[in-house]
N, C-alpha and C. Protein backbone atom coordinates (compact mmCIF):
# COMPACT_ATOMS: atom_id res chain seq x y z
N MET A 1 -21.78 5.19 -4.28
CA MET A 1 -21.69 3.96 -5.02
C MET A 1 -23.05 3.28 -4.96
N SER A 2 -23.56 2.82 -6.09
CA SER A 2 -24.87 2.17 -6.12
C SER A 2 -24.81 0.86 -5.33
N SER A 3 -25.99 0.40 -4.90
CA SER A 3 -26.02 -0.82 -4.10
C SER A 3 -25.56 -2.03 -4.90
N ASP A 4 -25.84 -2.06 -6.23
CA ASP A 4 -25.37 -3.18 -7.06
C ASP A 4 -23.85 -3.20 -7.15
N VAL A 5 -23.27 -2.04 -7.36
CA VAL A 5 -21.81 -1.94 -7.46
C VAL A 5 -21.19 -2.31 -6.11
N GLU A 6 -21.77 -1.80 -5.04
CA GLU A 6 -21.26 -2.12 -3.70
C GLU A 6 -21.35 -3.62 -3.44
N ALA A 7 -22.45 -4.24 -3.82
CA ALA A 7 -22.62 -5.68 -3.63
C ALA A 7 -21.61 -6.46 -4.46
N ASP A 8 -21.36 -6.02 -5.70
CA ASP A 8 -20.37 -6.69 -6.55
C ASP A 8 -18.97 -6.58 -5.95
N LYS A 9 -18.67 -5.40 -5.42
CA LYS A 9 -17.35 -5.20 -4.81
C LYS A 9 -17.20 -6.08 -3.57
N LYS A 10 -18.23 -6.14 -2.74
CA LYS A 10 -18.18 -7.00 -1.55
C LYS A 10 -18.00 -8.46 -1.94
N ALA A 11 -18.70 -8.88 -2.98
CA ALA A 11 -18.59 -10.28 -3.43
C ALA A 11 -17.18 -10.59 -3.90
N LEU A 12 -16.59 -9.67 -4.67
CA LEU A 12 -15.22 -9.87 -5.14
C LEU A 12 -14.26 -9.94 -3.96
N LEU A 13 -14.38 -9.02 -3.02
CA LEU A 13 -13.47 -8.99 -1.88
C LEU A 13 -13.68 -10.20 -0.97
N LYS A 14 -14.89 -10.73 -0.93
CA LYS A 14 -15.13 -11.96 -0.17
C LYS A 14 -14.35 -13.12 -0.79
N GLN A 15 -14.30 -13.17 -2.11
CA GLN A 15 -13.51 -14.21 -2.79
C GLN A 15 -12.01 -14.02 -2.51
N VAL A 16 -11.56 -12.78 -2.53
CA VAL A 16 -10.16 -12.49 -2.21
C VAL A 16 -9.86 -12.92 -0.78
N SER A 17 -10.77 -12.59 0.12
CA SER A 17 -10.61 -12.95 1.53
C SER A 17 -10.49 -14.46 1.71
N ALA A 18 -11.35 -15.22 1.03
CA ALA A 18 -11.31 -16.68 1.13
C ALA A 18 -9.97 -17.21 0.61
N ARG A 19 -9.50 -16.64 -0.48
CA ARG A 19 -8.21 -17.06 -1.05
C ARG A 19 -7.06 -16.77 -0.09
N LEU A 20 -7.08 -15.58 0.49
CA LEU A 20 -6.04 -15.21 1.45
C LEU A 20 -6.08 -16.08 2.70
N GLN A 21 -7.27 -16.33 3.19
CA GLN A 21 -7.40 -17.14 4.39
C GLN A 21 -6.83 -18.53 4.16
N LYS A 22 -7.07 -19.08 2.98
CA LYS A 22 -6.55 -20.40 2.63
C LYS A 22 -5.03 -20.37 2.48
N ASP A 23 -4.51 -19.32 1.82
CA ASP A 23 -3.08 -19.26 1.51
C ASP A 23 -2.22 -18.79 2.68
N LEU A 24 -2.78 -17.94 3.54
CA LEU A 24 -1.96 -17.28 4.56
C LEU A 24 -2.34 -17.64 5.99
N LYS A 25 -3.02 -18.67 6.22
CA LYS A 25 -3.58 -19.09 7.50
C LYS A 25 -3.03 -18.36 8.73
N VAL A 26 -1.74 -18.12 8.80
CA VAL A 26 -1.11 -17.57 9.99
C VAL A 26 -1.61 -16.15 10.28
N ARG A 27 -2.04 -15.93 11.49
CA ARG A 27 -2.44 -14.60 12.00
C ARG A 27 -3.48 -13.91 11.12
N TRP A 28 -4.34 -14.69 10.52
CA TRP A 28 -5.35 -14.15 9.61
C TRP A 28 -6.18 -13.05 10.27
N ALA A 29 -6.74 -13.33 11.43
CA ALA A 29 -7.71 -12.42 12.04
C ALA A 29 -7.09 -11.08 12.44
N ASP A 30 -5.88 -11.09 12.94
CA ASP A 30 -5.27 -9.87 13.46
C ASP A 30 -4.61 -8.99 12.41
N ILE A 31 -4.20 -9.56 11.31
CA ILE A 31 -3.45 -8.77 10.33
C ILE A 31 -4.14 -8.73 8.97
N VAL A 32 -4.29 -9.84 8.33
CA VAL A 32 -4.70 -9.84 6.93
C VAL A 32 -6.15 -9.40 6.75
N LYS A 33 -7.06 -9.92 7.56
CA LYS A 33 -8.47 -9.59 7.38
C LYS A 33 -8.73 -8.08 7.52
N PRO A 34 -8.27 -7.41 8.60
CA PRO A 34 -8.52 -5.96 8.68
C PRO A 34 -7.77 -5.18 7.59
N TYR A 35 -6.63 -5.68 7.15
CA TYR A 35 -5.92 -5.00 6.06
C TYR A 35 -6.76 -5.03 4.79
N LEU A 36 -7.25 -6.20 4.44
CA LEU A 36 -8.05 -6.34 3.23
C LEU A 36 -9.30 -5.48 3.30
N GLU A 37 -9.96 -5.45 4.45
CA GLU A 37 -11.19 -4.68 4.61
C GLU A 37 -10.96 -3.18 4.36
N GLN A 38 -9.76 -2.69 4.67
CA GLN A 38 -9.49 -1.27 4.53
C GLN A 38 -8.71 -0.91 3.27
N CYS A 39 -7.96 -1.86 2.74
CA CYS A 39 -7.06 -1.60 1.62
C CYS A 39 -7.78 -1.07 0.38
N PHE A 40 -8.84 -1.74 -0.03
CA PHE A 40 -9.52 -1.39 -1.28
C PHE A 40 -10.80 -0.58 -1.06
N ARG A 41 -10.99 -0.06 0.15
CA ARG A 41 -12.23 0.65 0.50
C ARG A 41 -12.53 1.80 -0.44
N ARG A 42 -11.52 2.56 -0.84
CA ARG A 42 -11.73 3.72 -1.70
C ARG A 42 -11.39 3.45 -3.17
N VAL A 43 -11.04 2.22 -3.49
CA VAL A 43 -10.71 1.89 -4.87
C VAL A 43 -12.00 1.51 -5.59
N PRO A 44 -12.31 2.19 -6.69
CA PRO A 44 -13.56 1.88 -7.41
C PRO A 44 -13.56 0.44 -7.94
N LEU A 45 -14.75 -0.15 -7.98
CA LEU A 45 -14.89 -1.52 -8.46
C LEU A 45 -14.29 -1.69 -9.84
N GLU A 46 -14.47 -0.71 -10.74
CA GLU A 46 -13.95 -0.88 -12.10
C GLU A 46 -12.43 -1.03 -12.12
N GLU A 47 -11.75 -0.51 -11.09
CA GLU A 47 -10.29 -0.69 -10.99
C GLU A 47 -9.93 -2.11 -10.54
N LEU A 48 -10.84 -2.74 -9.82
CA LEU A 48 -10.59 -4.08 -9.30
C LEU A 48 -11.15 -5.19 -10.21
N ALA A 49 -12.19 -4.85 -10.96
CA ALA A 49 -12.94 -5.86 -11.70
C ALA A 49 -12.11 -6.60 -12.75
N GLY A 50 -11.05 -5.98 -13.25
CA GLY A 50 -10.21 -6.63 -14.24
C GLY A 50 -9.25 -7.63 -13.64
N SER A 51 -9.22 -7.74 -12.33
CA SER A 51 -8.32 -8.66 -11.64
C SER A 51 -9.09 -9.86 -11.11
N THR A 52 -8.44 -10.99 -11.09
CA THR A 52 -9.04 -12.18 -10.50
C THR A 52 -8.84 -12.12 -8.98
N PRO A 53 -9.65 -12.86 -8.23
CA PRO A 53 -9.42 -12.93 -6.79
C PRO A 53 -8.01 -13.41 -6.45
N ALA A 54 -7.48 -14.34 -7.23
CA ALA A 54 -6.12 -14.85 -6.98
C ALA A 54 -5.09 -13.73 -7.15
N ARG A 55 -5.25 -12.91 -8.17
CA ARG A 55 -4.31 -11.81 -8.40
C ARG A 55 -4.41 -10.79 -7.28
N LEU A 56 -5.63 -10.40 -6.89
CA LEU A 56 -5.79 -9.44 -5.80
C LEU A 56 -5.24 -10.00 -4.48
N ALA A 57 -5.43 -11.29 -4.26
CA ALA A 57 -4.89 -11.93 -3.05
C ALA A 57 -3.36 -11.87 -3.06
N ALA A 58 -2.76 -12.10 -4.22
CA ALA A 58 -1.30 -12.02 -4.32
C ALA A 58 -0.80 -10.60 -4.07
N ILE A 59 -1.53 -9.61 -4.57
CA ILE A 59 -1.15 -8.22 -4.33
C ILE A 59 -1.20 -7.91 -2.84
N VAL A 60 -2.29 -8.30 -2.17
CA VAL A 60 -2.43 -8.04 -0.73
C VAL A 60 -1.36 -8.78 0.06
N ALA A 61 -1.11 -10.04 -0.28
CA ALA A 61 -0.08 -10.81 0.42
C ALA A 61 1.28 -10.14 0.30
N GLY A 62 1.58 -9.61 -0.90
CA GLY A 62 2.84 -8.89 -1.09
C GLY A 62 2.92 -7.62 -0.27
N GLN A 63 1.80 -6.92 -0.16
CA GLN A 63 1.78 -5.70 0.65
C GLN A 63 2.00 -6.03 2.11
N ILE A 64 1.37 -7.10 2.58
CA ILE A 64 1.55 -7.51 3.98
C ILE A 64 3.01 -7.87 4.24
N ARG A 65 3.63 -8.60 3.33
CA ARG A 65 5.06 -8.93 3.49
C ARG A 65 5.90 -7.66 3.53
N PHE A 66 5.55 -6.69 2.68
CA PHE A 66 6.31 -5.44 2.59
C PHE A 66 6.27 -4.65 3.91
N ILE A 67 5.14 -4.67 4.61
CA ILE A 67 5.01 -3.86 5.83
C ILE A 67 5.31 -4.63 7.11
N GLN A 68 5.76 -5.87 7.01
CA GLN A 68 5.99 -6.72 8.19
C GLN A 68 6.94 -6.09 9.20
N GLN A 69 7.99 -5.45 8.74
CA GLN A 69 9.02 -4.93 9.65
C GLN A 69 9.23 -3.45 9.36
N ARG A 70 8.88 -2.59 10.33
CA ARG A 70 9.09 -1.15 10.17
C ARG A 70 9.10 -0.50 11.54
N ARG A 71 10.13 0.27 11.80
CA ARG A 71 10.22 0.98 13.07
C ARG A 71 9.59 2.37 12.93
N PRO A 72 9.14 2.96 14.05
CA PRO A 72 8.59 4.32 13.98
C PRO A 72 9.57 5.27 13.31
N GLY A 73 9.06 6.09 12.41
CA GLY A 73 9.90 7.05 11.71
C GLY A 73 10.61 6.50 10.48
N GLN A 74 10.60 5.19 10.31
CA GLN A 74 11.29 4.57 9.17
C GLN A 74 10.41 4.61 7.93
N LEU A 75 11.01 4.94 6.81
CA LEU A 75 10.34 4.91 5.52
C LEU A 75 10.72 3.62 4.80
N LEU A 76 9.72 2.92 4.29
CA LEU A 76 9.97 1.77 3.42
C LEU A 76 9.56 2.17 2.01
N VAL A 77 10.42 1.88 1.03
CA VAL A 77 10.13 2.17 -0.38
C VAL A 77 10.54 0.96 -1.20
N ARG A 78 9.68 0.56 -2.12
CA ARG A 78 10.01 -0.50 -3.06
C ARG A 78 9.41 -0.12 -4.40
N VAL A 79 10.21 -0.18 -5.45
CA VAL A 79 9.75 0.05 -6.82
C VAL A 79 10.14 -1.20 -7.62
N PHE A 80 9.14 -1.85 -8.23
CA PHE A 80 9.42 -3.14 -8.85
C PHE A 80 8.43 -3.44 -9.97
N ASN A 81 8.78 -4.44 -10.74
CA ASN A 81 7.90 -5.00 -11.76
C ASN A 81 7.48 -6.38 -11.26
N PRO A 82 6.22 -6.52 -10.86
CA PRO A 82 5.79 -7.81 -10.31
C PRO A 82 5.89 -8.93 -11.33
N SER A 83 6.27 -10.10 -10.83
CA SER A 83 6.36 -11.28 -11.70
C SER A 83 5.66 -12.45 -11.01
N MET A 84 5.17 -13.38 -11.82
CA MET A 84 4.51 -14.57 -11.27
C MET A 84 5.46 -15.35 -10.38
N GLU A 85 6.70 -15.50 -10.81
CA GLU A 85 7.66 -16.30 -10.06
C GLU A 85 7.95 -15.72 -8.68
N LYS A 86 8.13 -14.42 -8.60
CA LYS A 86 8.54 -13.79 -7.34
C LYS A 86 7.37 -13.28 -6.53
N ASP A 87 6.35 -12.73 -7.21
CA ASP A 87 5.28 -12.03 -6.51
C ASP A 87 3.91 -12.71 -6.60
N GLY A 88 3.77 -13.65 -7.53
CA GLY A 88 2.49 -14.33 -7.69
C GLY A 88 1.48 -13.56 -8.54
N TRP A 89 1.94 -12.47 -9.16
CA TRP A 89 1.07 -11.70 -10.06
C TRP A 89 1.94 -10.90 -11.02
N GLU A 90 1.33 -10.49 -12.12
CA GLU A 90 2.02 -9.67 -13.13
C GLU A 90 1.20 -8.42 -13.40
N SER A 91 1.85 -7.45 -14.00
CA SER A 91 1.16 -6.20 -14.31
C SER A 91 1.77 -5.57 -15.55
N ASP A 92 0.95 -4.80 -16.23
CA ASP A 92 1.45 -3.99 -17.34
C ASP A 92 2.12 -2.72 -16.83
N HIS A 93 2.13 -2.53 -15.52
CA HIS A 93 2.70 -1.34 -14.91
C HIS A 93 3.80 -1.72 -13.93
N SER A 94 4.67 -0.78 -13.66
CA SER A 94 5.59 -0.91 -12.53
C SER A 94 4.82 -0.51 -11.28
N VAL A 95 5.29 -0.95 -10.13
CA VAL A 95 4.58 -0.72 -8.88
C VAL A 95 5.50 -0.04 -7.88
N VAL A 96 4.95 0.96 -7.20
CA VAL A 96 5.65 1.67 -6.13
C VAL A 96 4.92 1.35 -4.83
N GLN A 97 5.66 0.93 -3.82
CA GLN A 97 5.09 0.73 -2.49
C GLN A 97 5.82 1.65 -1.53
N LEU A 98 5.05 2.34 -0.68
CA LEU A 98 5.61 3.22 0.35
C LEU A 98 4.92 2.91 1.67
N ALA A 99 5.68 2.86 2.74
CA ALA A 99 5.11 2.73 4.09
C ALA A 99 5.81 3.75 4.96
N ASN A 100 5.01 4.48 5.75
CA ASN A 100 5.55 5.61 6.51
C ASN A 100 4.63 5.87 7.68
N ASP A 101 5.11 6.61 8.68
CA ASP A 101 4.21 7.15 9.67
C ASP A 101 3.23 8.04 8.93
N ASP A 102 1.96 8.02 9.33
CA ASP A 102 0.99 8.86 8.64
C ASP A 102 1.26 10.32 8.95
N LYS A 103 1.24 11.13 7.91
CA LYS A 103 1.41 12.58 8.03
C LYS A 103 0.86 13.23 6.78
N PRO A 104 0.63 14.53 6.83
CA PRO A 104 0.10 15.23 5.65
C PRO A 104 1.08 15.20 4.48
N PHE A 105 0.54 15.34 3.29
CA PHE A 105 1.28 15.59 2.04
C PHE A 105 2.01 14.40 1.44
N LEU A 106 1.87 13.20 1.99
CA LEU A 106 2.62 12.06 1.48
C LEU A 106 2.21 11.70 0.04
N VAL A 107 0.92 11.49 -0.18
CA VAL A 107 0.47 11.05 -1.50
C VAL A 107 0.72 12.15 -2.53
N ASP A 108 0.34 13.39 -2.20
CA ASP A 108 0.52 14.49 -3.15
C ASP A 108 1.99 14.70 -3.50
N SER A 109 2.86 14.61 -2.51
CA SER A 109 4.29 14.82 -2.76
C SER A 109 4.88 13.70 -3.62
N ALA A 110 4.50 12.47 -3.33
CA ALA A 110 5.00 11.34 -4.14
C ALA A 110 4.46 11.43 -5.56
N ALA A 111 3.17 11.76 -5.70
CA ALA A 111 2.57 11.88 -7.03
C ALA A 111 3.23 13.00 -7.83
N LEU A 112 3.53 14.12 -7.18
CA LEU A 112 4.20 15.23 -7.86
C LEU A 112 5.60 14.82 -8.31
N ALA A 113 6.32 14.10 -7.46
CA ALA A 113 7.66 13.64 -7.83
C ALA A 113 7.60 12.74 -9.05
N LEU A 114 6.64 11.83 -9.09
CA LEU A 114 6.49 10.95 -10.25
C LEU A 114 6.13 11.75 -11.49
N SER A 115 5.26 12.72 -11.33
CA SER A 115 4.87 13.57 -12.46
C SER A 115 6.07 14.36 -12.99
N GLU A 116 6.89 14.87 -12.08
CA GLU A 116 8.09 15.61 -12.49
C GLU A 116 9.07 14.72 -13.26
N MET A 117 9.00 13.40 -13.01
CA MET A 117 9.85 12.45 -13.73
C MET A 117 9.16 11.97 -15.01
N ASP A 118 8.02 12.59 -15.34
CA ASP A 118 7.23 12.24 -16.52
C ASP A 118 6.76 10.79 -16.47
N ILE A 119 6.31 10.38 -15.29
CA ILE A 119 5.80 9.02 -15.08
C ILE A 119 4.32 9.12 -14.78
N GLY A 120 3.51 8.47 -15.60
CA GLY A 120 2.07 8.47 -15.39
C GLY A 120 1.66 7.52 -14.28
N ILE A 121 0.62 7.90 -13.56
CA ILE A 121 0.07 7.09 -12.47
C ILE A 121 -1.26 6.53 -12.95
N HIS A 122 -1.43 5.21 -12.82
CA HIS A 122 -2.63 4.55 -13.30
C HIS A 122 -3.57 4.14 -12.18
N LEU A 123 -3.03 3.94 -10.99
CA LEU A 123 -3.85 3.54 -9.85
C LEU A 123 -3.14 3.98 -8.57
N VAL A 124 -3.92 4.47 -7.62
CA VAL A 124 -3.41 4.81 -6.29
C VAL A 124 -4.24 4.06 -5.26
N VAL A 125 -3.58 3.32 -4.41
CA VAL A 125 -4.24 2.66 -3.28
C VAL A 125 -3.56 3.22 -2.04
N HIS A 126 -4.35 3.81 -1.13
CA HIS A 126 -3.74 4.48 0.02
C HIS A 126 -4.56 4.29 1.29
N PRO A 127 -4.47 3.13 1.90
CA PRO A 127 -5.11 3.01 3.21
C PRO A 127 -4.20 3.60 4.29
N VAL A 128 -4.81 4.28 5.23
CA VAL A 128 -4.12 4.69 6.46
C VAL A 128 -4.68 3.77 7.54
N LEU A 129 -3.80 2.98 8.12
CA LEU A 129 -4.22 1.95 9.06
C LEU A 129 -3.60 2.19 10.43
N ARG A 130 -4.33 1.79 11.44
CA ARG A 130 -3.80 1.83 12.80
C ARG A 130 -3.24 0.44 13.08
N VAL A 131 -1.96 0.40 13.40
CA VAL A 131 -1.26 -0.88 13.56
C VAL A 131 -0.62 -1.00 14.93
N GLY A 132 -0.42 -2.25 15.32
CA GLY A 132 0.34 -2.56 16.51
C GLY A 132 1.61 -3.28 16.11
N ARG A 133 2.73 -2.81 16.63
CA ARG A 133 4.03 -3.43 16.36
C ARG A 133 4.72 -3.69 17.70
N ASN A 134 5.59 -4.69 17.72
CA ASN A 134 6.35 -4.93 18.93
C ASN A 134 7.56 -4.00 18.99
N SER A 135 8.37 -4.13 20.02
CA SER A 135 9.50 -3.21 20.22
C SER A 135 10.55 -3.30 19.11
N LYS A 136 10.53 -4.38 18.34
CA LYS A 136 11.46 -4.54 17.23
C LYS A 136 10.87 -4.06 15.90
N GLY A 137 9.63 -3.54 15.94
CA GLY A 137 8.99 -3.05 14.72
C GLY A 137 8.24 -4.10 13.93
N GLN A 138 8.13 -5.30 14.49
CA GLN A 138 7.43 -6.39 13.80
C GLN A 138 5.92 -6.18 13.89
N LEU A 139 5.24 -6.28 12.76
CA LEU A 139 3.80 -6.11 12.71
C LEU A 139 3.11 -7.21 13.49
N GLU A 140 2.25 -6.81 14.44
CA GLU A 140 1.51 -7.79 15.24
C GLU A 140 0.01 -7.72 15.02
N LYS A 141 -0.49 -6.54 14.67
CA LYS A 141 -1.94 -6.38 14.53
C LYS A 141 -2.25 -5.19 13.64
N ILE A 142 -3.29 -5.32 12.84
CA ILE A 142 -3.90 -4.18 12.15
C ILE A 142 -5.29 -4.05 12.73
N HIS A 143 -5.56 -2.88 13.27
CA HIS A 143 -6.84 -2.66 13.94
C HIS A 143 -7.95 -2.40 12.93
N PRO A 144 -9.16 -2.83 13.24
CA PRO A 144 -10.30 -2.57 12.34
C PRO A 144 -10.53 -1.07 12.19
N ARG A 145 -11.15 -0.70 11.12
CA ARG A 145 -11.47 0.70 10.84
C ARG A 145 -12.28 1.29 11.99
N GLY A 146 -11.91 2.50 12.38
CA GLY A 146 -12.62 3.20 13.45
C GLY A 146 -12.02 2.98 14.83
N VAL A 147 -11.15 1.99 14.99
CA VAL A 147 -10.49 1.74 16.27
C VAL A 147 -9.30 2.67 16.39
N LYS A 148 -9.16 3.31 17.53
CA LYS A 148 -8.08 4.30 17.71
C LYS A 148 -6.84 3.72 18.37
N ASP A 149 -6.81 2.42 18.62
CA ASP A 149 -5.62 1.78 19.19
C ASP A 149 -4.50 1.77 18.17
N GLY A 150 -3.28 1.56 18.63
CA GLY A 150 -2.15 1.46 17.72
C GLY A 150 -1.74 2.82 17.19
N LYS A 151 -0.87 2.78 16.21
CA LYS A 151 -0.33 4.00 15.60
C LYS A 151 -0.74 4.06 14.13
N ALA A 152 -1.09 5.25 13.66
CA ALA A 152 -1.51 5.41 12.26
C ALA A 152 -0.30 5.34 11.34
N GLU A 153 -0.37 4.46 10.37
CA GLU A 153 0.67 4.34 9.36
C GLU A 153 0.04 4.45 7.98
N SER A 154 0.77 5.06 7.08
CA SER A 154 0.33 5.28 5.70
C SER A 154 0.96 4.23 4.81
N PHE A 155 0.13 3.53 4.05
CA PHE A 155 0.59 2.53 3.10
C PHE A 155 0.10 2.95 1.72
N ILE A 156 1.03 3.27 0.85
CA ILE A 156 0.69 3.78 -0.48
C ILE A 156 1.19 2.80 -1.53
N GLN A 157 0.34 2.55 -2.51
CA GLN A 157 0.76 1.78 -3.67
C GLN A 157 0.33 2.54 -4.92
N PHE A 158 1.31 2.83 -5.78
CA PHE A 158 1.04 3.43 -7.08
C PHE A 158 1.32 2.39 -8.15
N HIS A 159 0.46 2.30 -9.13
CA HIS A 159 0.75 1.54 -10.35
C HIS A 159 1.09 2.61 -11.39
N ILE A 160 2.30 2.55 -11.91
CA ILE A 160 2.83 3.62 -12.76
C ILE A 160 3.23 3.09 -14.13
N ASP A 161 3.55 4.03 -15.04
CA ASP A 161 4.07 3.63 -16.35
C ASP A 161 5.20 2.62 -16.17
N LYS A 162 5.19 1.59 -16.98
CA LYS A 162 6.18 0.51 -16.89
C LYS A 162 7.58 1.03 -17.16
N ARG A 163 8.50 0.66 -16.32
CA ARG A 163 9.93 0.94 -16.49
C ARG A 163 10.65 -0.39 -16.39
N ALA A 164 11.27 -0.82 -17.47
CA ALA A 164 11.89 -2.14 -17.52
C ALA A 164 13.29 -2.15 -16.92
N ALA A 165 14.03 -1.06 -17.08
CA ALA A 165 15.43 -1.04 -16.65
C ALA A 165 15.53 -0.91 -15.13
N GLU A 166 16.36 -1.75 -14.54
CA GLU A 166 16.60 -1.71 -13.09
C GLU A 166 17.09 -0.33 -12.65
N ALA A 167 17.91 0.31 -13.47
CA ALA A 167 18.43 1.64 -13.13
C ALA A 167 17.29 2.66 -13.03
N ASP A 168 16.29 2.53 -13.89
CA ASP A 168 15.13 3.44 -13.83
C ASP A 168 14.35 3.22 -12.53
N LEU A 169 14.15 1.96 -12.16
CA LEU A 169 13.43 1.66 -10.92
C LEU A 169 14.19 2.21 -9.71
N GLU A 170 15.50 2.06 -9.73
CA GLU A 170 16.33 2.58 -8.63
C GLU A 170 16.29 4.10 -8.57
N GLN A 171 16.26 4.75 -9.73
CA GLN A 171 16.18 6.21 -9.77
C GLN A 171 14.85 6.70 -9.19
N ILE A 172 13.77 6.03 -9.52
CA ILE A 172 12.45 6.38 -8.98
C ILE A 172 12.46 6.20 -7.46
N GLU A 173 12.99 5.08 -7.02
CA GLU A 173 13.06 4.81 -5.58
C GLU A 173 13.84 5.91 -4.85
N GLN A 174 15.00 6.27 -5.38
CA GLN A 174 15.82 7.29 -4.72
C GLN A 174 15.11 8.64 -4.69
N ARG A 175 14.44 8.97 -5.78
CA ARG A 175 13.69 10.25 -5.83
C ARG A 175 12.59 10.26 -4.76
N LEU A 176 11.91 9.15 -4.58
CA LEU A 176 10.86 9.08 -3.58
C LEU A 176 11.42 9.12 -2.16
N VAL A 177 12.56 8.50 -1.94
CA VAL A 177 13.22 8.59 -0.63
C VAL A 177 13.54 10.05 -0.32
N ASP A 178 14.09 10.76 -1.29
CA ASP A 178 14.43 12.18 -1.10
C ASP A 178 13.18 13.02 -0.82
N VAL A 179 12.13 12.79 -1.58
CA VAL A 179 10.89 13.56 -1.42
C VAL A 179 10.26 13.29 -0.05
N MET A 180 10.21 12.04 0.35
CA MET A 180 9.63 11.71 1.65
C MET A 180 10.44 12.30 2.80
N SER A 181 11.76 12.37 2.63
CA SER A 181 12.61 13.02 3.62
C SER A 181 12.27 14.51 3.72
N ASP A 182 12.06 15.14 2.57
CA ASP A 182 11.67 16.56 2.55
C ASP A 182 10.31 16.76 3.21
N VAL A 183 9.37 15.88 2.94
CA VAL A 183 8.04 15.98 3.55
C VAL A 183 8.16 15.86 5.07
N ASN A 184 8.95 14.90 5.52
CA ASN A 184 9.13 14.71 6.95
C ASN A 184 9.69 15.98 7.61
N LYS A 185 10.71 16.56 6.99
CA LYS A 185 11.30 17.78 7.54
C LYS A 185 10.27 18.92 7.56
N ALA A 186 9.53 19.07 6.47
CA ALA A 186 8.54 20.15 6.38
C ALA A 186 7.44 19.99 7.42
N VAL A 187 6.95 18.76 7.59
CA VAL A 187 5.87 18.53 8.55
C VAL A 187 6.37 18.74 9.97
N CYS A 188 7.58 18.26 10.26
CA CYS A 188 8.14 18.47 11.60
C CYS A 188 8.33 19.95 11.89
N ASP A 189 8.86 20.70 10.93
CA ASP A 189 9.05 22.15 11.10
C ASP A 189 7.71 22.85 11.24
N TRP A 190 6.74 22.43 10.45
CA TRP A 190 5.42 23.04 10.48
C TRP A 190 4.76 22.83 11.84
N HIS A 191 4.85 21.59 12.39
CA HIS A 191 4.28 21.32 13.70
C HIS A 191 5.03 22.08 14.79
N ALA A 192 6.33 22.25 14.63
CA ALA A 192 7.12 22.98 15.63
C ALA A 192 6.72 24.44 15.71
N MET A 193 6.21 25.00 14.59
CA MET A 193 5.82 26.41 14.56
C MET A 193 4.44 26.63 15.19
N ASP A 194 3.65 25.56 15.36
CA ASP A 194 2.31 25.72 15.94
C ASP A 194 2.37 26.16 17.39
């Protein structure tokens, strides 16, 4: 990435950070700041440039709410159409959120399942973060990049072809639950054979 593009991306994310810090004051340093620093690290600037800092802040805030409660081994899946009233942002696409223990094949398997359903993918955001949770699975900390504390968790967000019908969103969600279950079984079996 050129230095100008990198500088533009940093400037945009600094604005998002300021917005989040103002809106989410609680536990900013331990959770939201390291999440933001890692969330869009591999997302090209041109994918972010069409969004305002307020919109990106709303997306991140929604992701943080989504991952607040998760026990080891638990899969979280949400397929939805964001709205200003409920989510603080809108999109021309439907959105898929997945949270899981980090393991191989998650993104590829989910993308293949969506492709098999003839659903186009417009954006993939996939940070793998090391997190700290309490005994009830409540998120307490997201560790900065490079820190080996905590447990690695995979957070995936796909922006996909818009599906307006609730039944379609539920069908996508169920298909992803099934696929992630298959991935878990395959990875567990594969590790057992080592």
